[in-house]
Amino acid sequence: MTYTVGFRKRSNVAVLTTEVPTANHALAVIATVEQSVGKLDFIRSPQEGDIGIEMLRLLAKEEAKGMSQTPI
């Protein structure tokens, strides 16, 4: 499932977006944005629509479980 993360740079009013392939990638992007670039604006997925950070964390845990159960 893909996720779109929208954020604002500290000195800019425009919302920038990036698309990532997994919830774990989205969490990494959000951590970077909050530490250095600016402020989180939204998290969105095609299946879930707009979601919050807590829901994203739950989805990341589910993805991790699914990946650990997938045979190589």
C-alpha atoms as a PDB file:
ATOM      1  CA  MET A   1       0.000   0.000   0.000  1.00  0.00           C
ATOM      2  CA  THR A   2       1.381   3.421  -0.856  1.00  0.00           C
ATOM      3  CA  TYR A   3       1.231   6.484   1.363  1.00  0.00           C
ATOM      4  CA  THR A   4       1.410  10.159   0.522  1.00  0.00           C
ATOM      5  CA  VAL A   5       2.924  12.396   3.168  1.00  0.00           C
ATOM      6  CA  GLY A   6       2.222  16.125   2.941  1.00  0.00           C
ATOM      7  CA  PHE A   7       4.345  18.628   4.834  1.00  0.00           C
ATOM      8  CA  ARG A   8       5.221  22.306   4.971  1.00  0.00           C
ATOM      9  CA  LYS A   9       8.677  23.777   5.156  1.00  0.00           C
ATOM     10  CA  ARG A  10       9.130  26.184   8.026  1.00  0.00           C
ATOM     11  CA  SER A  11       9.372  29.254   5.806  1.00  0.00           C
ATOM     12  CA  ASN A  12       6.902  28.201   3.117  1.00  0.00           C
ATOM     13  CA  VAL A  13       3.102  28.136   2.946  1.00  0.00           C
ATOM     14  CA  ALA A  14       2.968  25.587   0.113  1.00  0.00           C
ATOM     15  CA  VAL A  15       2.346  21.948   0.952  1.00  0.00           C
ATOM     16  CA  LEU A  16       4.982  19.590  -0.426  1.00  0.00           C
ATOM     17  CA  THR A  17       4.244  15.887  -0.868  1.00  0.00           C
ATOM     18  CA  THR A  18       6.152  12.672  -1.240  1.00  0.00           C
ATOM     19  CA  GLU A  19       4.839   9.200  -2.008  1.00  0.00           C
ATOM     20  CA  VAL A  20       6.350   6.172  -0.271  1.00  0.00           C
ATOM     21  CA  PRO A  21       5.673   2.429  -0.686  1.00  0.00           C
ATOM     22  CA  THR A  22       5.181   1.351   2.952  1.00  0.00           C
ATOM     23  CA  ALA A  23       3.989   2.606   6.323  1.00  0.00           C
ATOM     24  CA  ASN A  24       7.529   2.192   7.699  1.00  0.00           C
ATOM     25  CA  HIS A  25       8.894   4.435   4.954  1.00  0.00           C
ATOM     26  CA  ALA A  26       6.171   6.977   5.738  1.00  0.00           C
ATOM     27  CA  LEU A  27       7.171   6.963   9.421  1.00  0.00           C
ATOM     28  CA  ALA A  28      10.803   7.570   8.440  1.00  0.00           C
ATOM     29  CA  VAL A  29       9.825  10.495   6.210  1.00  0.00           C
ATOM     30  CA  ILE A  30       7.675  11.987   8.967  1.00  0.00           C
ATOM     31  CA  ALA A  31      10.514  11.706  11.498  1.00  0.00           C
ATOM     32  CA  THR A  32      12.866  13.495   9.108  1.00  0.00           C
ATOM     33  CA  VAL A  33      10.316  16.211   8.313  1.00  0.00           C
ATOM     34  CA  GLU A  34       9.586  16.896  11.963  1.00  0.00           C
ATOM     35  CA  GLN A  35      13.276  16.985  12.931  1.00  0.00           C
ATOM     36  CA  SER A  36      14.657  19.138  10.162  1.00  0.00           C
ATOM     37  CA  VAL A  37      12.366  20.398   7.440  1.00  0.00           C
ATOM     38  CA  GLY A  38       9.099  21.577   8.888  1.00  0.00           C
ATOM     39  CA  LYS A  39       5.646  20.430   9.900  1.00  0.00           C
ATOM     40  CA  LEU A  40       3.560  17.404   8.954  1.00  0.00           C
ATOM     41  CA  ASP A  41       0.383  18.407   7.114  1.00  0.00           C
ATOM     42  CA  PHE A  42      -1.297  15.097   6.226  1.00  0.00           C
ATOM     43  CA  ILE A  43      -0.873  11.354   5.686  1.00  0.00           C
ATOM     44  CA  ARG A  44      -3.010   9.729   3.010  1.00  0.00           C
ATOM     45  CA  SER A  45      -3.391   6.298   1.447  1.00  0.00           C
ATOM     46  CA  PRO A  46      -5.623   5.156  -1.418  1.00  0.00           C
ATOM     47  CA  GLN A  47      -7.271   2.486   0.757  1.00  0.00           C
ATOM     48  CA  GLU A  48      -7.632   4.407   4.044  1.00  0.00           C
ATOM     49  CA  GLY A  49      -7.904   8.030   2.906  1.00  0.00           C
ATOM     50  CA  ASP A  50      -6.560  10.579   5.386  1.00  0.00           C
ATOM     51  CA  ILE A  51      -5.069   8.935   8.459  1.00  0.00           C
ATOM     52  CA  GLY A  52      -3.291  10.047  11.601  1.00  0.00           C
ATOM     53  CA  ILE A  53       0.152   9.148  12.869  1.00  0.00           C
ATOM     54  CA  GLU A  54      -1.210   6.584  15.358  1.00  0.00           C
ATOM     55  CA  MET A  55      -3.084   4.738  12.614  1.00  0.00           C
ATOM     56  CA  LEU A  56       0.066   4.822  10.487  1.00  0.00           C
ATOM     57  CA  ARG A  57       2.015   3.232  13.348  1.00  0.00           C
ATOM     58  CA  LEU A  58      -0.578   0.455  13.606  1.00  0.00           C
ATOM     59  CA  LEU A  59      -0.416  -0.128   9.858  1.00  0.00           C
ATOM     60  CA  ALA A  60       3.401  -0.277  10.054  1.00  0.00           C
ATOM     61  CA  LYS A  61       3.156  -2.979  12.740  1.00  0.00           C
ATOM     62  CA  GLU A  62       0.734  -4.959  10.573  1.00  0.00           C
ATOM     63  CA  GLU A  63       3.076  -4.640   7.587  1.00  0.00           C
ATOM     64  CA  ALA A  64       5.990  -5.863   9.699  1.00  0.00           C
ATOM     65  CA  LYS A  65       3.976  -8.888  10.862  1.00  0.00           C
ATOM     66  CA  GLY A  66       2.981  -9.664   7.287  1.00  0.00           C
ATOM     67  CA  MET A  67       6.570  -9.402   6.071  1.00  0.00           C
ATOM     68  CA  SER A  68       7.869 -11.684   8.828  1.00  0.00           C
ATOM     69  CA  GLN A  69       5.278 -14.329   7.931  1.00  0.00           C
ATOM     70  CA  THR A  70       5.988 -14.221   4.196  1.00  0.00           C
ATOM     71  CA  PRO A  71       8.220 -17.132   3.065  1.00  0.00           C
ATOM     72  CA  ILE A  72      11.390 -16.119   1.253  1.00  0.00           C
END
